C-alpha atoms as a PDB file:
ATOM      1  CA  MET A   1      20.794 -30.670 -25.730  1.00  0.00           C
ATOM      2  CA  THR A   2      23.101 -29.074 -23.155  1.00  0.00           C
ATOM      3  CA  ASP A   3      21.582 -27.468 -20.077  1.00  0.00           C
ATOM      4  CA  ILE A   4      22.627 -24.054 -18.765  1.00  0.00           C
ATOM      5  CA  ALA A   5      24.258 -25.526 -15.631  1.00  0.00           C
ATOM      6  CA  SER A   6      26.747 -27.541 -17.670  1.00  0.00           C
ATOM      7  CA  LEU A   7      27.455 -24.604 -19.992  1.00  0.00           C
ATOM      8  CA  ARG A   8      28.363 -22.449 -17.021  1.00  0.00           C
ATOM      9  CA  ASN A   9      30.161 -25.227 -15.153  1.00  0.00           C
ATOM     10  CA  CYS A  10      27.513 -25.059 -12.422  1.00  0.00           C
ATOM     11  CA  PRO A  11      26.424 -27.751  -9.976  1.00  0.00           C
ATOM     12  CA  SER A  12      23.338 -29.666 -11.129  1.00  0.00           C
ATOM     13  CA  TRP A  13      21.117 -27.923  -8.540  1.00  0.00           C
ATOM     14  CA  CYS A  14      22.010 -24.399  -9.743  1.00  0.00           C
ATOM     15  CA  VAL A  15      18.989 -22.483 -11.063  1.00  0.00           C
ATOM     16  CA  ASP A  16      20.629 -19.047 -11.211  1.00  0.00           C
ATOM     17  CA  HIS A  17      24.224 -17.983 -11.542  1.00  0.00           C
ATOM     18  CA  HIS A  18      26.129 -14.787 -10.898  1.00  0.00           C
ATOM     19  CA  ASP A  19      29.244 -14.545 -13.010  1.00  0.00           C
ATOM     20  CA  PRO A  20      30.933 -11.206 -12.324  1.00  0.00           C
ATOM     21  CA  ASP A  21      32.611  -9.041 -14.902  1.00  0.00           C
ATOM     22  CA  GLU A  22      35.836  -8.944 -12.890  1.00  0.00           C
ATOM     23  CA  PRO A  23      37.743 -12.261 -13.123  1.00  0.00           C
ATOM     24  CA  ASP A  24      38.610 -12.329  -9.390  1.00  0.00           C
ATOM     25  CA  ALA A  25      35.260 -11.107  -8.028  1.00  0.00           C
ATOM     26  CA  GLY A  26      33.844 -14.572  -7.395  1.00  0.00           C
ATOM     27  CA  HIS A  27      30.947 -16.684  -8.564  1.00  0.00           C
ATOM     28  CA  MET A  28      27.640 -17.508  -6.948  1.00  0.00           C
ATOM     29  CA  HIS A  29      25.293 -20.449  -7.551  1.00  0.00           C
ATOM     30  CA  PHE A  30      21.699 -20.236  -6.356  1.00  0.00           C
ATOM     31  CA  ALA A  31      19.462 -23.221  -5.581  1.00  0.00           C
ATOM     32  CA  ALA A  32      15.724 -23.237  -6.190  1.00  0.00           C
ATOM     33  CA  GLU A  33      13.909 -21.675  -3.276  1.00  0.00           C
ATOM     34  CA  ALA A  34      11.576 -23.855  -1.221  1.00  0.00           C
ATOM     35  CA  THR A  35       8.566 -22.025   0.158  1.00  0.00           C
ATOM     36  CA  MET A  36       5.698 -22.668   2.510  1.00  0.00           C
ATOM     37  CA  HIS A  37       2.841 -20.544   3.810  1.00  0.00           C
ATOM     38  CA  VAL A  38       2.250 -19.967   7.507  1.00  0.00           C
ATOM     39  CA  ALA A  39      -1.445 -19.142   7.873  1.00  0.00           C
ATOM     40  CA  ARG A  40      -1.897 -19.121  11.650  1.00  0.00           C
ATOM     41  CA  HIS A  41      -1.539 -15.351  11.808  1.00  0.00           C
ATOM     42  CA  ALA A  42      -3.948 -12.705  10.543  1.00  0.00           C
ATOM     43  CA  ASN A  43      -1.454 -11.910   7.770  1.00  0.00           C
ATOM     44  CA  PRO A  44      -0.174 -15.218   6.361  1.00  0.00           C
ATOM     45  CA  ARG A  45       3.536 -15.248   5.612  1.00  0.00           C
ATOM     46  CA  ARG A  46       5.557 -16.943   2.966  1.00  0.00           C
ATOM     47  CA  VAL A  47       8.641 -18.621   4.370  1.00  0.00           C
ATOM     48  CA  GLY A  48      11.420 -19.116   1.865  1.00  0.00           C
ATOM     49  CA  LEU A  49      14.514 -21.276   2.146  1.00  0.00           C
ATOM     50  CA  GLY A  50      17.424 -20.992  -0.231  1.00  0.00           C
ATOM     51  CA  ARG A  51      21.043 -21.959  -0.714  1.00  0.00           C
ATOM     52  CA  THR A  52      23.900 -19.995  -2.212  1.00  0.00           C
ATOM     53  CA  ASP A  53      27.401 -21.277  -2.905  1.00  0.00           C
ATOM     54  CA  SER A  54      30.057 -18.615  -3.369  1.00  0.00           C
ATOM     55  CA  THR A  55      33.657 -18.555  -4.453  1.00  0.00           C
ATOM     56  CA  THR A  56      35.824 -15.478  -4.246  1.00  0.00           C
ATOM     57  CA  ALA A  57      39.478 -15.293  -5.211  1.00  0.00           C
ATOM     58  CA  GLY A  58      41.717 -15.825  -2.206  1.00  0.00           C
ATOM     59  CA  GLN A  59      38.930 -17.217   0.005  1.00  0.00           C
ATOM     60  CA  PRO A  60      37.639 -20.752   0.509  1.00  0.00           C
ATOM     61  CA  PRO A  61      34.264 -21.543  -1.108  1.00  0.00           C
ATOM     62  CA  HIS A  62      31.336 -21.292   1.270  1.00  0.00           C
ATOM     63  CA  THR A  63      27.659 -22.203   1.369  1.00  0.00           C
ATOM     64  CA  THR A  64      25.017 -19.933   2.855  1.00  0.00           C
ATOM     65  CA  ILE A  65      21.505 -21.000   3.834  1.00  0.00           C
ATOM     66  CA  VAL A  66      18.956 -18.187   3.626  1.00  0.00           C
ATOM     67  CA  VAL A  67      15.729 -18.167   5.631  1.00  0.00           C
ATOM     68  CA  ASP A  68      13.360 -15.456   4.439  1.00  0.00           C
ATOM     69  CA  LEU A  69      10.373 -14.705   6.665  1.00  0.00           C
ATOM     70  CA  GLY A  70       9.209 -11.918   4.398  1.00  0.00           C
ATOM     71  CA  ASP A  71      11.676  -9.457   5.877  1.00  0.00           C
ATOM     72  CA  GLY A  72      14.565  -9.735   3.452  1.00  0.00           C
ATOM     73  CA  GLY A  73      16.115 -12.952   4.696  1.00  0.00           C
ATOM     74  CA  HIS A  74      18.627 -14.106   7.247  1.00  0.00           C
ATOM     75  CA  GLU A  75      21.837 -15.770   6.134  1.00  0.00           C
ATOM     76  CA  MET A  76      23.451 -18.543   8.153  1.00  0.00           C
ATOM     77  CA  THR A  77      26.152 -21.106   7.743  1.00  0.00           C
ATOM     78  CA  VAL A  78      25.326 -24.751   7.071  1.00  0.00           C
ATOM     79  CA  GLU A  79      26.304 -25.527  10.666  1.00  0.00           C
ATOM     80  CA  GLU A  80      23.946 -22.851  12.002  1.00  0.00           C
ATOM     81  CA  ALA A  81      21.126 -24.094   9.757  1.00  0.00           C
ATOM     82  CA  THR A  82      21.726 -27.648  10.995  1.00  0.00           C
ATOM     83  CA  GLU A  83      21.529 -26.451  14.601  1.00  0.00           C
ATOM     84  CA  LEU A  84      18.317 -24.514  13.869  1.00  0.00           C
ATOM     85  CA  ALA A  85      16.775 -27.590  12.217  1.00  0.00           C
ATOM     86  CA  GLY A  86      17.613 -29.636  15.315  1.00  0.00           C
ATOM     87  CA  LEU A  87      16.076 -27.054  17.647  1.00  0.00           C
ATOM     88  CA  ILE A  88      12.908 -26.943  15.547  1.00  0.00           C
ATOM     89  CA  ALA A  89      12.722 -30.758  15.576  1.00  0.00           C
ATOM     90  CA  VAL A  90      12.985 -30.779  19.398  1.00  0.00           C
ATOM     91  CA  GLN A  91      10.166 -28.256  19.728  1.00  0.00           C
ATOM     92  CA  VAL A  92       7.946 -30.161  17.279  1.00  0.00           C
ATOM     93  CA  THR A  93       8.569 -33.388  19.187  1.00  0.00           C
ATOM     94  CA  ARG A  94       7.641 -31.695  22.472  1.00  0.00           C
ATOM     95  CA  ALA A  95       4.523 -30.153  20.941  1.00  0.00           C
ATOM     96  CA  THR A  96       3.267 -33.413  19.445  1.00  0.00           C
ATOM     97  CA  GLY A  97       4.138 -35.504  22.472  1.00  0.00           C
ATOM     98  CA  ASP A  98       6.172 -38.006  20.455  1.00  0.00           C
END
């Protein structure tokens, strides 16, 4: 049995695919979203993390990391997401005293 990712020539992590009608409009691959709940506040939030890889004719492929705090999401580059992860790790280390 052939999975949908191989039929569409998608990466193995792709769970959704945008294949435009126009041949030069570009393609997008979407990774499964990871979510967690932040319950410290009176109104708990769902925090979602996702990944999108895009290719558009005439432009280099790029990956976008999306952080959604329930407000529609914020896109960042892989480098920006890496920097954010490092800053969060520093704050966690300071908070736990490790």
